[in-house]
Amino acid sequence: MTKNKRGVISMIHKLKDFFYREKVRWVSRFIYYLLILLLLFFMYGFNDASAGSYIYNDF
């Protein structure tokens, strides 16, 4: 095994150790769900109850 290959494998192990830490996993999940929530807000807008269509208007 060459010196460069060992360095790459060592770096991969260090990255795996970093990403399997509980704090890193918690922060990454928090950011992931926060981005989903913000994306939903931007997709559906920040309308108040009187603005936009309401599902029961036609009944």
N, C-alpha and C. Protein backbone atom coordinates (compact mmCIF):
# COMPACT_ATOMS: atom_id res chain seq x y z
N MET A 1 0.86 -1.18 0.00
CA MET A 1 0.00 0.00 0.00
C MET A 1 0.90 1.23 0.00
N THR A 2 0.60 2.16 -0.85
CA THR A 2 1.43 3.35 -0.95
C THR A 2 1.13 4.32 0.18
N LYS A 3 2.02 5.25 0.36
CA LYS A 3 1.87 6.24 1.42
C LYS A 3 0.64 7.11 1.20
N ASN A 4 0.38 7.48 -0.04
CA ASN A 4 -0.77 8.32 -0.36
C ASN A 4 -2.08 7.59 -0.08
N LYS A 5 -2.14 6.32 -0.39
CA LYS A 5 -3.36 5.53 -0.17
C LYS A 5 -3.66 5.41 1.33
N ARG A 6 -2.61 5.22 2.13
CA ARG A 6 -2.81 5.15 3.57
C ARG A 6 -3.32 6.48 4.12
N GLY A 7 -2.84 7.57 3.55
CA GLY A 7 -3.29 8.90 3.99
C GLY A 7 -4.75 9.12 3.67
N VAL A 8 -5.19 8.65 2.51
CA VAL A 8 -6.59 8.80 2.12
C VAL A 8 -7.48 7.95 3.02
N ILE A 9 -7.06 6.72 3.28
CA ILE A 9 -7.84 5.84 4.15
C ILE A 9 -7.91 6.41 5.56
N SER A 10 -6.80 6.97 6.04
CA SER A 10 -6.78 7.59 7.36
C SER A 10 -7.73 8.79 7.41
N MET A 11 -7.76 9.57 6.34
CA MET A 11 -8.66 10.72 6.31
C MET A 11 -10.11 10.27 6.30
N ILE A 12 -10.40 9.19 5.58
CA ILE A 12 -11.77 8.67 5.55
C ILE A 12 -12.20 8.21 6.94
N HIS A 13 -11.30 7.55 7.66
CA HIS A 13 -11.63 7.11 9.02
C HIS A 13 -11.85 8.31 9.94
N LYS A 14 -11.06 9.35 9.77
CA LYS A 14 -11.24 10.55 10.60
C LYS A 14 -12.57 11.22 10.30
N LEU A 15 -12.95 11.28 9.02
CA LEU A 15 -14.24 11.87 8.66
C LEU A 15 -15.40 11.04 9.20
N LYS A 16 -15.28 9.71 9.11
CA LYS A 16 -16.34 8.85 9.67
C LYS A 16 -16.46 9.05 11.18
N ASP A 17 -15.33 9.12 11.87
CA ASP A 17 -15.36 9.36 13.31
C ASP A 17 -16.01 10.70 13.63
N PHE A 18 -15.72 11.71 12.82
CA PHE A 18 -16.30 13.03 13.05
C PHE A 18 -17.81 13.02 12.85
N PHE A 19 -18.28 12.41 11.75
CA PHE A 19 -19.70 12.43 11.44
C PHE A 19 -20.52 11.48 12.30
N TYR A 20 -19.89 10.54 12.98
CA TYR A 20 -20.64 9.64 13.86
C TYR A 20 -20.70 10.15 15.30
N ARG A 21 -20.11 11.31 15.56
CA ARG A 21 -20.25 11.91 16.90
C ARG A 21 -21.70 12.35 17.10
N GLU A 22 -22.17 12.20 18.32
CA GLU A 22 -23.58 12.49 18.61
C GLU A 22 -23.92 13.96 18.40
N LYS A 23 -23.03 14.85 18.80
CA LYS A 23 -23.30 16.29 18.63
C LYS A 23 -23.36 16.67 17.15
N VAL A 24 -22.47 16.12 16.37
CA VAL A 24 -22.45 16.44 14.94
C VAL A 24 -23.71 15.91 14.27
N ARG A 25 -24.13 14.71 14.64
CA ARG A 25 -25.35 14.14 14.07
C ARG A 25 -26.56 14.97 14.46
N TRP A 26 -26.61 15.43 15.73
CA TRP A 26 -27.74 16.24 16.20
C TRP A 26 -27.80 17.57 15.46
N VAL A 27 -26.66 18.23 15.32
CA VAL A 27 -26.61 19.53 14.64
C VAL A 27 -26.97 19.37 13.16
N SER A 28 -26.47 18.32 12.53
CA SER A 28 -26.79 18.12 11.12
C SER A 28 -28.27 17.82 10.91
N ARG A 29 -28.87 17.04 11.79
CA ARG A 29 -30.31 16.80 11.69
C ARG A 29 -31.11 18.06 11.94
N PHE A 30 -30.68 18.87 12.90
CA PHE A 30 -31.36 20.13 13.20
C PHE A 30 -31.34 21.05 11.98
N ILE A 31 -30.18 21.18 11.36
CA ILE A 31 -30.07 22.03 10.17
C ILE A 31 -30.91 21.47 9.03
N TYR A 32 -30.91 20.16 8.87
CA TYR A 32 -31.69 19.51 7.82
C TYR A 32 -33.18 19.80 7.97
N TYR A 33 -33.72 19.59 9.18
CA TYR A 33 -35.15 19.83 9.39
C TYR A 33 -35.49 21.32 9.36
N LEU A 34 -34.56 22.17 9.80
CA LEU A 34 -34.79 23.61 9.71
C LEU A 34 -34.87 24.05 8.26
N LEU A 35 -34.02 23.52 7.41
CA LEU A 35 -34.07 23.85 5.99
C LEU A 35 -35.38 23.38 5.35
N ILE A 36 -35.85 22.19 5.75
CA ILE A 36 -37.13 21.71 5.23
C ILE A 36 -38.26 22.63 5.66
N LEU A 37 -38.26 23.04 6.91
CA LEU A 37 -39.29 23.94 7.42
C LEU A 37 -39.26 25.28 6.71
N LEU A 38 -38.08 25.84 6.53
CA LEU A 38 -37.97 27.12 5.83
C LEU A 38 -38.39 26.99 4.37
N LEU A 39 -38.03 25.89 3.75
CA LEU A 39 -38.45 25.66 2.37
C LEU A 39 -39.96 25.59 2.26
N LEU A 40 -40.61 24.94 3.20
CA LEU A 40 -42.08 24.88 3.18
C LEU A 40 -42.70 26.25 3.38
N PHE A 41 -42.11 27.06 4.28
CA PHE A 41 -42.62 28.41 4.47
C PHE A 41 -42.50 29.23 3.20
N PHE A 42 -41.37 29.11 2.52
CA PHE A 42 -41.18 29.89 1.30
C PHE A 42 -42.03 29.36 0.16
N MET A 43 -42.29 28.06 0.13
CA MET A 43 -43.13 27.50 -0.93
C MET A 43 -44.58 27.96 -0.79
N TYR A 44 -45.08 27.94 0.44
CA TYR A 44 -46.49 28.27 0.67
C TYR A 44 -46.69 29.70 1.11
N GLY A 45 -45.64 30.44 1.33
CA GLY A 45 -45.73 31.85 1.64
C GLY A 45 -46.08 32.10 3.10
N PHE A 46 -45.94 33.35 3.47
CA PHE A 46 -46.25 33.78 4.83
C PHE A 46 -47.60 34.50 4.83
N ASN A 47 -48.61 33.92 4.23
CA ASN A 47 -49.92 34.55 4.15
C ASN A 47 -50.65 34.44 5.48
N ASP A 48 -51.45 35.47 5.76
CA ASP A 48 -52.30 35.37 6.94
C ASP A 48 -53.58 34.61 6.56
N ALA A 49 -54.48 34.46 7.49
CA ALA A 49 -55.66 33.62 7.27
C ALA A 49 -56.59 34.20 6.20
N SER A 50 -56.64 35.53 6.05
CA SER A 50 -57.55 36.12 5.08
C SER A 50 -56.97 36.15 3.67
N ALA A 51 -55.69 35.97 3.54
CA ALA A 51 -55.07 36.01 2.21
C ALA A 51 -54.98 34.61 1.62
N GLY A 52 -55.07 34.53 0.34
CA GLY A 52 -54.92 33.25 -0.32
C GLY A 52 -56.20 32.44 -0.29
N SER A 53 -56.15 31.30 -0.91
CA SER A 53 -57.34 30.45 -0.98
C SER A 53 -57.43 29.56 0.26
N TYR A 54 -58.63 29.31 0.63
CA TYR A 54 -58.91 28.44 1.78
C TYR A 54 -59.71 27.26 1.27
N ILE A 55 -59.45 26.10 1.75
CA ILE A 55 -60.01 24.90 1.17
C ILE A 55 -61.55 24.82 1.30
N TYR A 56 -62.12 25.42 2.32
CA TYR A 56 -63.55 25.30 2.56
C TYR A 56 -64.36 26.50 2.06
N ASN A 57 -63.77 27.36 1.23
CA ASN A 57 -64.51 28.52 0.73
C ASN A 57 -65.69 28.15 -0.14
N ASP A 58 -65.59 27.07 -0.89
CA ASP A 58 -66.64 26.71 -1.83
C ASP A 58 -67.77 25.91 -1.21
N PHE A 59 -67.70 25.53 0.02
CA PHE A 59 -68.74 24.70 0.63
C PHE A 59 -69.83 25.53 1.26
